[in-house]
Protein backbone atom coordinates (compact mmCIF):
# COMPACT_ATOMS: atom_id res chain seq x y z
CA MET A 1 -24.28 19.23 -3.54
CA ASN A 2 -25.42 15.52 -3.54
CA ARG A 3 -25.98 13.96 -0.51
CA ILE A 4 -24.33 10.73 0.19
CA ALA A 5 -27.11 8.22 1.26
CA GLU A 6 -26.61 6.34 4.74
CA SER A 7 -25.99 2.93 2.39
CA GLU A 8 -23.03 4.06 0.56
CA LEU A 9 -21.20 5.70 3.58
CA ILE A 10 -22.06 4.37 6.43
CA ILE A 11 -21.53 5.74 10.40
CA ASN A 12 -21.93 4.35 13.67
CA SER A 13 -23.59 5.56 16.28
CA ARG A 14 -21.02 6.74 17.62
CA GLY A 15 -20.32 9.43 14.75
CA ALA A 16 -17.11 7.25 13.38
CA VAL A 17 -16.66 5.82 9.90
CA TYR A 18 -17.98 1.58 10.10
CA HIS A 19 -15.09 -0.28 9.12
CA LEU A 20 -12.02 1.66 10.86
CA ASP A 21 -14.82 3.06 13.48
CA LEU A 22 -12.67 6.21 13.55
CA ARG A 23 -14.26 9.95 13.97
CA PRO A 24 -12.63 12.61 11.61
CA GLU A 25 -10.72 14.12 15.05
CA GLU A 26 -9.22 10.82 15.74
CA LEU A 27 -6.87 10.43 12.41
CA ALA A 28 -4.23 12.41 11.29
CA THR A 29 -3.22 13.95 8.07
CA THR A 30 0.23 11.57 7.84
CA ILE A 31 -0.87 8.31 8.29
CA ILE A 32 1.26 5.16 8.42
CA THR A 33 -0.47 1.56 7.14
CA VAL A 34 0.67 -1.54 8.03
CA GLY A 35 -1.31 -4.97 7.23
CA ASP A 36 -0.65 -7.22 11.01
CA GLN A 37 -2.73 -5.44 13.26
CA ASP A 38 -0.14 -6.20 15.97
CA ARG A 39 2.44 -4.30 13.89
CA VAL A 40 0.58 -0.91 15.21
CA LYS A 41 1.91 -1.01 18.82
CA GLU A 42 5.64 -1.56 16.87
CA VAL A 43 5.40 1.31 15.24
CA SER A 44 3.54 3.64 18.13
CA LYS A 45 6.14 2.10 20.27
CA HIS A 46 8.20 5.12 19.20
CA PHE A 47 5.85 7.62 19.52
CA ASP A 48 6.46 10.60 21.81
CA SER A 49 2.82 10.48 23.05
CA ILE A 50 -0.21 8.44 22.09
CA GLU A 51 -3.71 10.26 22.08
CA TYR A 52 -6.00 7.91 20.93
CA THR A 53 -6.59 3.63 19.90
CA SER A 54 -9.34 1.71 18.59
CA GLN A 55 -9.93 -1.66 16.94
CA HIS A 56 -12.68 -3.04 15.07
CA ARG A 57 -12.09 -6.19 13.53
CA GLU A 58 -8.56 -6.26 11.61
CA PHE A 59 -8.20 -2.37 11.63
CA VAL A 60 -6.54 -0.83 14.58
CA THR A 61 -5.49 2.70 14.78
CA ASN A 62 -2.85 4.62 17.36
CA THR A 63 -3.12 8.28 16.80
CA GLY A 64 -0.13 10.28 18.39
CA TYR A 65 2.99 12.17 18.21
CA ILE A 66 6.76 12.20 17.53
CA GLY A 67 8.04 15.48 18.52
CA LYS A 68 5.09 17.99 16.46
CA LYS A 69 4.66 15.70 14.04
CA ARG A 70 1.08 14.00 14.14
CA ILE A 71 1.10 10.62 12.93
CA SER A 72 -1.59 7.75 12.52
CA VAL A 73 -0.66 3.97 11.98
CA VAL A 74 -3.60 2.07 10.92
CA SER A 75 -3.51 -1.85 10.30
CA THR A 76 -5.46 -2.65 7.05
CA GLY A 77 -5.17 -6.42 6.78
CA ILE A 78 -4.21 -8.59 3.75
CA GLY A 79 -4.77 -8.10 0.34
CA THR A 80 -6.10 -5.24 -2.08
CA ASP A 81 -10.19 -6.13 -0.43
CA ASN A 82 -9.41 -4.39 2.02
CA ILE A 83 -7.50 -1.63 0.81
CA ASP A 84 -10.72 -0.37 -1.00
CA ILE A 85 -12.07 -0.30 2.45
CA VAL A 86 -9.46 1.64 4.30
CA LEU A 87 -8.18 4.19 1.54
CA ASN A 88 -11.67 4.92 0.77
CA GLU A 89 -12.56 5.52 4.60
CA LEU A 90 -9.20 7.05 5.18
CA ASP A 91 -10.78 9.54 2.25
CA ALA A 92 -14.11 10.13 3.86
CA LEU A 93 -13.01 11.14 6.78
CA VAL A 94 -10.73 14.01 5.79
CA ASN A 95 -12.97 14.93 2.87
CA ILE A 96 -16.56 14.36 3.65
CA ASP A 97 -18.94 16.40 6.17
CA PHE A 98 -20.59 13.46 7.97
CA ASN A 99 -23.20 15.83 9.38
CA THR A 100 -24.46 16.61 6.08
CA ARG A 101 -23.20 13.61 3.91
CA THR A 102 -21.64 16.04 1.37
CA ILE A 103 -18.29 15.91 -0.06
CA LYS A 104 -16.27 19.32 1.69
CA PRO A 105 -15.62 22.01 -0.97
CA THR A 106 -12.11 22.57 0.06
CA LEU A 107 -9.91 18.52 -0.44
CA THR A 108 -7.58 17.69 2.19
CA PRO A 109 -4.55 15.29 0.59
CA LEU A 110 -3.31 12.99 2.94
CA THR A 111 0.03 11.75 3.22
CA VAL A 112 0.08 7.68 3.31
CA ILE A 113 3.18 5.41 3.63
CA ARG A 114 2.51 1.58 3.44
CA VAL A 115 5.17 -0.13 5.73
CA GLY A 116 5.43 -4.40 4.87
CA THR A 117 7.13 -7.11 4.02
CA SER A 118 7.61 -8.39 0.35
CA GLY A 119 9.37 -11.18 -1.66
CA SER A 120 12.21 -9.80 -3.78
CA LEU A 121 12.12 -11.26 -7.76
CA GLN A 122 16.03 -9.42 -8.28
CA ALA A 123 18.91 -11.82 -7.22
CA ASP A 124 20.90 -8.07 -6.43
CA VAL A 125 17.51 -6.95 -4.06
CA PRO A 126 18.67 -9.32 -1.06
CA VAL A 127 16.00 -10.11 1.98
CA ASP A 128 16.46 -7.20 4.91
CA SER A 129 17.39 -4.76 2.53
CA PHE A 130 14.57 -2.07 1.90
CA VAL A 131 12.58 -1.29 -1.31
CA ALA A 132 10.67 2.16 -2.00
CA SER A 133 8.32 1.26 -5.27
CA THR A 134 8.21 3.62 -7.74
CA HIS A 135 5.26 2.28 -9.26
CA GLY A 136 2.29 -0.41 -8.30
CA LEU A 137 1.53 -2.79 -10.70
CA GLY A 138 -2.15 -4.64 -10.38
CA ILE A 139 -2.78 -8.13 -11.18
CA ASP A 140 -5.45 -8.00 -8.59
CA ASN A 141 -8.10 -6.47 -11.01
CA LEU A 142 -9.28 -3.75 -8.02
CA LEU A 143 -8.39 -0.42 -10.09
CA ASN A 144 -10.58 -1.52 -13.07
CA PHE A 145 -13.81 -1.28 -11.26
CA TYR A 146 -12.89 2.43 -10.94
CA ARG A 147 -12.75 4.85 -13.57
CA TYR A 148 -8.89 5.70 -14.25
CA GLU A 149 -6.62 6.98 -16.91
CA ASN A 150 -2.74 6.09 -17.14
CA ASN A 151 -0.40 8.75 -17.89
CA ASP A 152 1.86 8.24 -20.96
CA GLU A 153 4.64 6.54 -19.06
CA GLU A 154 2.17 4.34 -17.29
CA SER A 155 0.50 3.27 -20.28
CA GLN A 156 3.67 2.29 -22.26
CA LEU A 157 4.95 0.35 -19.41
CA LEU A 158 1.83 -1.35 -18.76
CA SER A 159 1.63 -2.52 -22.70
CA ALA A 160 5.23 -3.40 -22.33
CA PHE A 161 4.30 -5.75 -19.25
CA VAL A 162 1.32 -7.46 -20.67
CA THR A 163 2.98 -8.47 -24.00
CA HIS A 164 6.17 -9.59 -21.93
CA VAL A 165 4.29 -11.34 -18.74
CA LYS A 166 1.44 -12.86 -21.85
CA MET A 167 -1.06 -11.68 -18.72
CA GLY A 168 -4.41 -10.47 -19.72
CA HIS A 169 -8.26 -11.93 -19.79
CA PRO A 170 -9.53 -14.12 -18.83
CA LEU A 171 -6.79 -14.57 -15.91
CA SER A 172 -6.53 -10.74 -14.95
CA SER A 173 -6.40 -7.13 -16.28
CA PRO A 174 -3.22 -5.58 -14.97
CA TYR A 175 -3.39 -2.08 -14.19
CA ILE A 176 -0.48 0.45 -13.23
CA ALA A 177 -0.26 3.41 -11.06
CA ASN A 178 2.82 5.63 -9.44
CA ALA A 179 4.12 6.30 -6.10
CA GLY A 180 3.41 9.92 -4.72
CA PRO A 181 6.95 11.81 -6.37
CA ALA A 182 6.66 14.47 -3.22
CA VAL A 183 6.85 11.74 -1.18
CA LEU A 184 8.94 8.91 -2.99
CA LYS A 185 11.85 11.75 -3.01
CA HIS A 186 12.51 11.48 0.55
CA PHE A 187 13.17 7.86 0.79
CA VAL A 188 16.28 7.57 -1.67
CA GLU A 189 19.32 6.57 0.47
CA GLY A 190 19.11 3.22 1.73
CA PHE A 191 16.33 2.20 -0.63
CA HIS A 192 16.03 -0.14 -3.70
CA HIS A 193 13.37 1.45 -6.31
CA GLY A 194 11.45 -0.19 -8.78
CA ILE A 195 8.33 -1.75 -9.70
CA THR A 196 6.25 -3.28 -7.01
CA VAL A 197 3.72 -5.99 -8.22
CA THR A 198 0.66 -6.64 -6.48
CA CYS A 199 -0.86 -10.18 -6.33
CA PRO A 200 -4.45 -11.25 -5.18
CA GLY A 201 -2.75 -14.01 -2.94
CA PHE A 202 0.26 -15.58 -1.64
CA TYR A 203 0.39 -19.13 -3.55
CA GLY A 204 -0.92 -19.77 -6.96
CA PRO A 205 -0.83 -15.78 -7.67
CA GLN A 206 2.80 -15.55 -6.58
CA GLY A 207 4.44 -18.72 -8.45
CA ARG A 208 4.18 -21.12 -5.32
CA VAL A 209 3.52 -24.84 -5.74
CA LEU A 210 2.42 -26.91 -2.83
CA ARG A 211 -0.39 -29.33 -4.01
CA LEU A 212 -2.35 -27.57 -7.21
CA GLY A 213 -0.59 -26.72 -10.73
CA LEU A 214 -0.37 -23.24 -12.33
CA THR A 215 -1.55 -21.98 -15.15
CA ASN A 216 0.97 -19.56 -15.53
CA ALA A 217 4.17 -21.47 -14.21
CA ASP A 218 7.02 -18.91 -15.55
CA LEU A 219 5.32 -16.14 -13.69
CA ILE A 220 8.13 -15.62 -11.72
CA ASP A 221 10.64 -15.87 -14.08
CA ARG A 222 8.78 -13.41 -16.93
CA LEU A 223 8.37 -11.05 -13.68
CA THR A 224 12.54 -11.15 -12.71
CA GLU A 225 13.24 -10.64 -16.37
CA PHE A 226 10.60 -7.71 -17.38
CA SER A 227 12.14 -4.30 -18.13
CA TYR A 228 11.09 -1.10 -19.99
CA GLY A 229 13.51 1.61 -20.16
CA ASN A 230 15.15 1.90 -16.99
CA HIS A 231 12.37 -0.04 -15.20
CA ARG A 232 12.43 -3.18 -13.66
CA ILE A 233 10.02 -4.91 -11.29
CA THR A 234 11.90 -5.60 -7.88
CA ASN A 235 9.42 -7.21 -5.48
CA PHE A 236 5.62 -8.29 -5.25
CA GLU A 237 3.42 -8.53 -2.31
CA MET A 238 -0.49 -7.74 -1.84
CA GLU A 239 -1.27 -3.75 -1.09
CA THR A 240 0.83 -1.12 -3.00
CA SER A 241 -0.89 -1.09 -6.45
CA ALA A 242 -4.28 -0.65 -4.78
CA ILE A 243 -2.87 1.79 -2.27
CA TYR A 244 -1.30 3.66 -5.07
CA GLY A 245 -4.19 3.80 -7.70
CA LEU A 246 -7.46 4.76 -5.16
CA GLY A 247 -4.79 7.15 -3.38
CA LYS A 248 -3.67 8.94 -6.99
CA LEU A 249 -7.80 9.18 -7.75
CA LEU A 250 -8.38 10.46 -4.55
CA GLY A 251 -5.60 13.23 -4.53
CA HIS A 252 -3.66 11.59 -1.71
CA HIS A 253 0.64 11.63 -1.49
CA CYS A 254 1.06 7.48 -1.54
CA LEU A 255 4.43 5.39 -1.03
CA SER A 256 4.92 1.76 -0.28
CA LEU A 257 8.12 0.67 1.45
CA ASN A 258 8.84 -2.54 1.90
CA ALA A 259 11.30 -5.02 4.29
CA ILE A 260 12.35 -7.83 1.71
CA VAL A 261 12.27 -10.91 3.99
CA ALA A 262 12.05 -13.42 0.91
CA ASN A 263 14.28 -13.90 -2.42
CA ARG A 264 12.46 -15.74 -4.79
CA VAL A 265 15.25 -15.87 -6.97
CA GLN A 266 17.70 -17.11 -4.71
CA LYS A 267 15.14 -18.69 -2.90
CA THR A 268 16.24 -17.50 0.46
CA PHE A 269 14.28 -16.15 3.67
CA SER A 270 15.09 -14.02 6.42
CA LYS A 271 16.78 -15.29 9.35
CA ASP A 272 15.37 -12.46 11.35
CA GLY A 273 12.16 -10.67 9.33
CA ALA A 274 11.02 -8.47 12.52
CA ALA A 275 14.50 -7.03 13.05
CA ALA A 276 14.36 -6.27 9.50
CA VAL A 277 10.74 -4.61 10.00
CA GLU A 278 11.71 -2.58 13.30
CA ASN A 279 14.56 -1.17 11.01
CA LEU A 280 12.69 0.00 8.20
CA ILE A 281 9.86 1.23 10.88
CA ILE A 282 12.97 3.17 12.53
CA LYS A 283 14.06 4.25 9.19
CA THR A 284 10.96 5.84 8.24
CA LEU A 285 9.69 7.36 11.43
CA GLY A 286 12.99 9.30 10.88
CA VAL A 287 12.13 10.29 7.93
CA LEU A 288 8.60 11.62 8.16
CA ALA A 289 9.55 13.52 11.26
CA GLY A 290 11.97 15.50 9.71
CA MET A 291 9.31 16.11 6.87
């Protein structure tokens, strides 16, 4: 087995992976990711006990229990560049032997659930509702740096999307990956299902105009109008496609759950986004505790 060099996998002086500052025993195999580091404590306050906490830069981790269920909550920060760090390091913690720097002969699949906020692209997906993403469709380019092959459904969806939205080189090369079906099936009641588009920014890439003009001024309308068979785009944000794509490549079960805080079609914003997120956290933990 090939040894992974020190420059490729950085392990610090306490034997922890570099960015997350976690050792393998400090991570559960069921993980909730949140963008905001302050949201970690909003999740873990519902735990029956907390056995481990850490913070390095924007990466905060709490590991604890609800009943007998061991769960880690990890903050990722915003954007797919951070997801590239987090997913690779989470995988390294369970699937690479830190002593020999080799890939373990038996791989461990993680369950990774994103709990975040998002903007709706459909009038019938109102603020304060929840979306479970069936697919993550990235317009951020991250997965294009990895060897990834779509299945037939993904290829057809992606081709229809590129044609409809007229989005390709030089702006970006969109990619798509589906949710982990073993996890998605538990999040049906109380959730809208649809495609989540992941953008590389909050303003121009999501069609917002402040002082700068846009190259694709009709982006919001094109995303809202897109459909393929029973699939449509329900919302967009900044992390889901990277979680789905990297998770699928690494063999993990991933799902993105979003509280809708803005509706870009109705141009409305939640009057209490914190309450919507709290409701989503409680619902998510209840489902995970029973899985």
